[in-house]
Amino acid sequence: MIFLPVLNIVSCRFSPRDSVNCCWNRLRSFLYKDGLLAALFLCWVLPNSANGSEWVEVEVGNDSGDTHLWPYFYTATRFVDINSIKKKDGFIFYSELIDSSEPISPNVKSLIVNKKSLCNGKTVVWRRFAIFRTPMGQGKPIMKLNPNETESISIGSAGFLSDNFVCNLVRKSVK
């Protein structure tokens, strides 16, 4: 269907100035009549389905702003992407979004962390993460890191609650 308007635009055969006007008018007609609905649909669908994430808010605990490697936030809201949860070789892999309620730095509003867990309630590995200047991990990250570092988690901490949420989901799905 997209090829038809392109063929009609190419078929304008007038003087150079009239040809440009003809092509512009046909293109504008296509975009307003035929393509507007498709363009709106694509603008809505692509950003919402491109990454396939389904973020679910989790409890934040007594240290909601703790980001393990660097202090980015005083307080934050935390989410787990339930579509990212995978079990492999005895580990659970998942993504967590840490969205700032009160940032320390005005340039860092959110992080998306890929974690690996044994579901032992003691440690979780920060495999990689991306830092965003915008809320909710939207847009292009300003930095990506692959620390592959182990975080010790304690009962009641934000890291523990996120990990516990994921591990409980996995346990329930196995039963």
C-alpha atoms as a PDB file:
ATOM      1  CA  MET A   1       0.000   0.000   0.000  1.00  0.00           C
ATOM      2  CA  ILE A   2       2.832   2.396   0.743  1.00  0.00           C
ATOM      3  CA  PHE A   3       4.245   1.966  -2.768  1.00  0.00           C
ATOM      4  CA  LEU A   4       1.143   3.349  -4.473  1.00  0.00           C
ATOM      5  CA  PRO A   5       1.493   6.930  -3.197  1.00  0.00           C
ATOM      6  CA  VAL A   6       5.204   6.849  -3.974  1.00  0.00           C
ATOM      7  CA  LEU A   7       4.445   5.810  -7.566  1.00  0.00           C
ATOM      8  CA  ASN A   8       1.887   8.597  -7.870  1.00  0.00           C
ATOM      9  CA  ILE A   9       4.403  11.138  -6.596  1.00  0.00           C
ATOM     10  CA  VAL A  10       7.003  10.007  -9.114  1.00  0.00           C
ATOM     11  CA  SER A  11       4.513  10.264 -11.980  1.00  0.00           C
ATOM     12  CA  CYS A  12       4.195  14.071 -11.711  1.00  0.00           C
ATOM     13  CA  ARG A  13       5.441  15.357 -15.108  1.00  0.00           C
ATOM     14  CA  PHE A  14       5.418  19.112 -15.314  1.00  0.00           C
ATOM     15  CA  SER A  15       7.965  21.868 -15.283  1.00  0.00           C
ATOM     16  CA  PRO A  16      10.414  21.480 -12.375  1.00  0.00           C
ATOM     17  CA  ARG A  17       8.529  23.952 -10.189  1.00  0.00           C
ATOM     18  CA  ASP A  18       5.122  22.440 -10.966  1.00  0.00           C
ATOM     19  CA  SER A  19       6.539  18.965 -10.471  1.00  0.00           C
ATOM     20  CA  VAL A  20       7.701  19.846  -6.966  1.00  0.00           C
ATOM     21  CA  ASN A  21       4.293  21.325  -6.132  1.00  0.00           C
ATOM     22  CA  CYS A  22       2.526  18.286  -7.589  1.00  0.00           C
ATOM     23  CA  CYS A  23       4.686  15.867  -5.613  1.00  0.00           C
ATOM     24  CA  TRP A  24       4.302  17.870  -2.431  1.00  0.00           C
ATOM     25  CA  ASN A  25       0.516  18.028  -2.802  1.00  0.00           C
ATOM     26  CA  ARG A  26       0.261  14.279  -3.418  1.00  0.00           C
ATOM     27  CA  LEU A  27       2.514  13.486  -0.497  1.00  0.00           C
ATOM     28  CA  ARG A  28       0.568  15.822   1.782  1.00  0.00           C
ATOM     29  CA  SER A  29      -2.700  14.283   0.596  1.00  0.00           C
ATOM     30  CA  PHE A  30      -1.384  10.799   1.328  1.00  0.00           C
ATOM     31  CA  LEU A  31      -0.179  11.731   4.804  1.00  0.00           C
ATOM     32  CA  TYR A  32      -3.388  13.504   5.760  1.00  0.00           C
ATOM     33  CA  LYS A  33      -5.871  11.053   4.269  1.00  0.00           C
ATOM     34  CA  ASP A  34      -4.310   7.621   4.066  1.00  0.00           C
ATOM     35  CA  GLY A  35      -1.256   7.871   6.254  1.00  0.00           C
ATOM     36  CA  LEU A  36      -2.421   9.885   9.245  1.00  0.00           C
ATOM     37  CA  LEU A  37      -4.138   6.983  10.914  1.00  0.00           C
ATOM     38  CA  ALA A  38      -1.196   4.685  10.187  1.00  0.00           C
ATOM     39  CA  ALA A  39       1.296   7.284  11.455  1.00  0.00           C
ATOM     40  CA  LEU A  40      -0.653   7.789  14.685  1.00  0.00           C
ATOM     41  CA  PHE A  41      -0.905   4.040  15.144  1.00  0.00           C
ATOM     42  CA  LEU A  42       2.852   3.589  14.664  1.00  0.00           C
ATOM     43  CA  CYS A  43       3.645   6.453  17.043  1.00  0.00           C
ATOM     44  CA  TRP A  44       1.522   4.761  19.694  1.00  0.00           C
ATOM     45  CA  VAL A  45       2.468   1.124  19.105  1.00  0.00           C
ATOM     46  CA  LEU A  46       6.224   1.264  18.471  1.00  0.00           C
ATOM     47  CA  PRO A  47       7.313   2.952  21.706  1.00  0.00           C
ATOM     48  CA  ASN A  48       4.955   0.805  23.774  1.00  0.00           C
ATOM     49  CA  SER A  49       5.829  -2.549  22.267  1.00  0.00           C
ATOM     50  CA  ALA A  50       9.394  -2.178  21.070  1.00  0.00           C
ATOM     51  CA  ASN A  51      11.024  -3.264  24.278  1.00  0.00           C
ATOM     52  CA  GLY A  52       8.237  -5.582  25.452  1.00  0.00           C
ATOM     53  CA  SER A  53       8.567  -4.459  29.077  1.00  0.00           C
ATOM     54  CA  GLU A  54       5.779  -4.786  31.591  1.00  0.00           C
ATOM     55  CA  TRP A  55       6.858  -2.861  34.670  1.00  0.00           C
ATOM     56  CA  VAL A  56       5.187  -3.765  37.961  1.00  0.00           C
ATOM     57  CA  GLU A  57       5.775  -1.554  40.991  1.00  0.00           C
ATOM     58  CA  VAL A  58       7.312  -3.335  43.963  1.00  0.00           C
ATOM     59  CA  GLU A  59       7.749  -2.408  47.606  1.00  0.00           C
ATOM     60  CA  VAL A  60      10.669  -0.053  48.183  1.00  0.00           C
ATOM     61  CA  GLY A  61      11.797  -0.927  51.683  1.00  0.00           C
ATOM     62  CA  ASN A  62      13.759   1.224  54.084  1.00  0.00           C
ATOM     63  CA  ASP A  63      16.375   2.356  51.554  1.00  0.00           C
ATOM     64  CA  SER A  64      14.411   3.058  48.369  1.00  0.00           C
ATOM     65  CA  GLY A  65      17.106   5.286  46.895  1.00  0.00           C
ATOM     66  CA  ASP A  66      19.976   2.842  47.376  1.00  0.00           C
ATOM     67  CA  THR A  67      21.492   1.906  44.027  1.00  0.00           C
ATOM     68  CA  HIS A  68      24.349  -0.240  45.381  1.00  0.00           C
ATOM     69  CA  LEU A  69      27.232   1.039  43.253  1.00  0.00           C
ATOM     70  CA  TRP A  70      26.727   4.828  43.450  1.00  0.00           C
ATOM     71  CA  PRO A  71      24.347   7.077  45.388  1.00  0.00           C
ATOM     72  CA  TYR A  72      22.049   8.442  42.666  1.00  0.00           C
ATOM     73  CA  PHE A  73      18.801   8.975  44.580  1.00  0.00           C
ATOM     74  CA  TYR A  74      17.608   9.998  48.019  1.00  0.00           C
ATOM     75  CA  THR A  75      14.315   8.201  47.381  1.00  0.00           C
ATOM     76  CA  ALA A  76      13.022   6.172  44.459  1.00  0.00           C
ATOM     77  CA  THR A  77      10.185   4.021  43.227  1.00  0.00           C
ATOM     78  CA  ARG A  78      11.079   0.533  42.046  1.00  0.00           C
ATOM     79  CA  PHE A  79       9.618  -1.643  39.326  1.00  0.00           C
ATOM     80  CA  VAL A  80      10.331  -5.133  38.010  1.00  0.00           C
ATOM     81  CA  ASP A  81       9.785  -6.065  34.365  1.00  0.00           C
ATOM     82  CA  ILE A  82       7.840  -9.293  34.702  1.00  0.00           C
ATOM     83  CA  ASN A  83       8.438 -10.060  31.015  1.00  0.00           C
ATOM     84  CA  SER A  84      12.197 -10.109  31.648  1.00  0.00           C
ATOM     85  CA  ILE A  85      12.116 -12.849  34.298  1.00  0.00           C
ATOM     86  CA  LYS A  86      13.985 -15.933  33.073  1.00  0.00           C
ATOM     87  CA  LYS A  87      15.290 -19.017  34.828  1.00  0.00           C
ATOM     88  CA  LYS A  88      18.542 -20.523  33.551  1.00  0.00           C
ATOM     89  CA  ASP A  89      21.198 -22.776  35.085  1.00  0.00           C
ATOM     90  CA  GLY A  90      19.750 -22.366  38.586  1.00  0.00           C
ATOM     91  CA  PHE A  91      19.752 -18.550  38.403  1.00  0.00           C
ATOM     92  CA  ILE A  92      16.888 -16.101  37.970  1.00  0.00           C
ATOM     93  CA  PHE A  93      17.511 -13.182  35.589  1.00  0.00           C
ATOM     94  CA  TYR A  94      15.354 -10.040  35.617  1.00  0.00           C
ATOM     95  CA  SER A  95      15.303  -6.288  35.001  1.00  0.00           C
ATOM     96  CA  GLU A  96      14.580  -3.683  37.642  1.00  0.00           C
ATOM     97  CA  LEU A  97      13.733  -0.030  37.015  1.00  0.00           C
ATOM     98  CA  ILE A  98      14.720   2.405  39.751  1.00  0.00           C
ATOM     99  CA  ASP A  99      12.881   5.678  39.167  1.00  0.00           C
ATOM    100  CA  SER A 100      13.907   8.707  41.182  1.00  0.00           C
ATOM    101  CA  SER A 101      11.464  10.438  43.477  1.00  0.00           C
ATOM    102  CA  GLU A 102      14.237  12.678  44.799  1.00  0.00           C
ATOM    103  CA  PRO A 103      17.466  12.598  42.752  1.00  0.00           C
ATOM    104  CA  ILE A 104      20.864  13.553  44.125  1.00  0.00           C
ATOM    105  CA  SER A 105      22.045  14.554  40.649  1.00  0.00           C
ATOM    106  CA  PRO A 106      19.771  16.527  38.309  1.00  0.00           C
ATOM    107  CA  ASN A 107      21.208  14.541  35.380  1.00  0.00           C
ATOM    108  CA  VAL A 108      20.168  11.095  36.628  1.00  0.00           C
ATOM    109  CA  LYS A 109      16.451  10.372  36.899  1.00  0.00           C
ATOM    110  CA  SER A 110      16.305   6.582  36.496  1.00  0.00           C
ATOM    111  CA  LEU A 111      18.267   3.347  36.110  1.00  0.00           C
ATOM    112  CA  ILE A 112      17.424   0.035  34.508  1.00  0.00           C
ATOM    113  CA  VAL A 113      19.408  -2.792  36.076  1.00  0.00           C
ATOM    114  CA  ASN A 114      19.735  -6.355  34.763  1.00  0.00           C
ATOM    115  CA  LYS A 115      20.139  -8.636  37.743  1.00  0.00           C
ATOM    116  CA  LYS A 116      21.015 -12.269  38.392  1.00  0.00           C
ATOM    117  CA  SER A 117      19.861 -14.032  41.545  1.00  0.00           C
ATOM    118  CA  LEU A 118      20.110 -17.372  43.309  1.00  0.00           C
ATOM    119  CA  CYS A 119      16.991 -16.380  45.303  1.00  0.00           C
ATOM    120  CA  ASN A 120      18.898 -16.979  48.529  1.00  0.00           C
ATOM    121  CA  GLY A 121      17.854 -13.680  50.143  1.00  0.00           C
ATOM    122  CA  LYS A 122      21.502 -12.719  50.675  1.00  0.00           C
ATOM    123  CA  THR A 123      22.998 -11.503  47.394  1.00  0.00           C
ATOM    124  CA  VAL A 124      22.093 -10.401  43.895  1.00  0.00           C
ATOM    125  CA  VAL A 125      24.430  -9.655  40.971  1.00  0.00           C
ATOM    126  CA  TRP A 126      24.207  -6.374  39.074  1.00  0.00           C
ATOM    127  CA  ARG A 127      25.093  -7.724  35.616  1.00  0.00           C
ATOM    128  CA  ARG A 128      24.637  -4.463  33.724  1.00  0.00           C
ATOM    129  CA  PHE A 129      22.708  -1.247  33.987  1.00  0.00           C
ATOM    130  CA  ALA A 130      21.792   1.862  32.043  1.00  0.00           C
ATOM    131  CA  ILE A 131      21.522   5.375  33.459  1.00  0.00           C
ATOM    132  CA  PHE A 132      18.841   7.719  32.121  1.00  0.00           C
ATOM    133  CA  ARG A 133      18.436  11.478  32.261  1.00  0.00           C
ATOM    134  CA  THR A 134      14.664  10.973  31.996  1.00  0.00           C
ATOM    135  CA  PRO A 135      12.132   9.341  34.330  1.00  0.00           C
ATOM    136  CA  MET A 136      11.054   5.711  33.920  1.00  0.00           C
ATOM    137  CA  GLY A 137      14.044   4.687  31.789  1.00  0.00           C
ATOM    138  CA  GLN A 138      12.653   6.454  28.731  1.00  0.00           C
ATOM    139  CA  GLY A 139      14.774   7.642  25.842  1.00  0.00           C
ATOM    140  CA  LYS A 140      18.412   6.950  25.177  1.00  0.00           C
ATOM    141  CA  PRO A 141      20.638   6.087  28.152  1.00  0.00           C
ATOM    142  CA  ILE A 142      23.387   8.550  29.001  1.00  0.00           C
ATOM    143  CA  MET A 143      25.646   5.726  30.172  1.00  0.00           C
ATOM    144  CA  LYS A 144      25.732   1.923  30.203  1.00  0.00           C
ATOM    145  CA  LEU A 145      27.892  -0.131  32.532  1.00  0.00           C
ATOM    146  CA  ASN A 146      28.580  -3.848  32.978  1.00  0.00           C
ATOM    147  CA  PRO A 147      29.874  -4.131  36.547  1.00  0.00           C
ATOM    148  CA  ASN A 148      28.893  -7.784  37.169  1.00  0.00           C
ATOM    149  CA  GLU A 149      29.186  -7.029  40.900  1.00  0.00           C
ATOM    150  CA  THR A 150      27.503  -8.811  43.783  1.00  0.00           C
ATOM    151  CA  GLU A 151      25.295  -6.758  46.083  1.00  0.00           C
ATOM    152  CA  SER A 152      24.699  -8.009  49.617  1.00  0.00           C
ATOM    153  CA  ILE A 153      21.036  -7.565  50.452  1.00  0.00           C
ATOM    154  CA  SER A 154      19.451  -7.521  53.881  1.00  0.00           C
ATOM    155  CA  ILE A 155      15.886  -8.202  54.939  1.00  0.00           C
ATOM    156  CA  GLY A 156      13.766  -5.092  54.486  1.00  0.00           C
ATOM    157  CA  SER A 157      16.106  -3.412  51.991  1.00  0.00           C
ATOM    158  CA  ALA A 158      14.886  -2.312  48.562  1.00  0.00           C
ATOM    159  CA  GLY A 159      17.171  -4.821  46.841  1.00  0.00           C
ATOM    160  CA  PHE A 160      15.854  -7.627  49.042  1.00  0.00           C
ATOM    161  CA  LEU A 161      12.209  -6.731  48.404  1.00  0.00           C
ATOM    162  CA  SER A 162      12.672  -6.557  44.621  1.00  0.00           C
ATOM    163  CA  ASP A 163      14.550  -9.836  44.568  1.00  0.00           C
ATOM    164  CA  ASN A 164      12.022 -11.484  46.882  1.00  0.00           C
ATOM    165  CA  PHE A 165       9.155 -10.299  44.632  1.00  0.00           C
ATOM    166  CA  VAL A 166      10.770 -11.912  41.578  1.00  0.00           C
ATOM    167  CA  CYS A 167      11.709 -15.134  43.391  1.00  0.00           C
ATOM    168  CA  ASN A 168       8.170 -15.532  44.758  1.00  0.00           C
ATOM    169  CA  LEU A 169       6.751 -15.086  41.228  1.00  0.00           C
ATOM    170  CA  VAL A 170       9.079 -17.779  39.933  1.00  0.00           C
ATOM    171  CA  ARG A 171       8.210 -20.145  42.798  1.00  0.00           C
ATOM    172  CA  LYS A 172       4.477 -19.653  42.191  1.00  0.00           C
ATOM    173  CA  SER A 173       4.821 -20.290  38.448  1.00  0.00           C
ATOM    174  CA  VAL A 174       6.651 -23.598  39.060  1.00  0.00           C
ATOM    175  CA  LYS A 175       3.870 -24.999  41.292  1.00  0.00           C
END
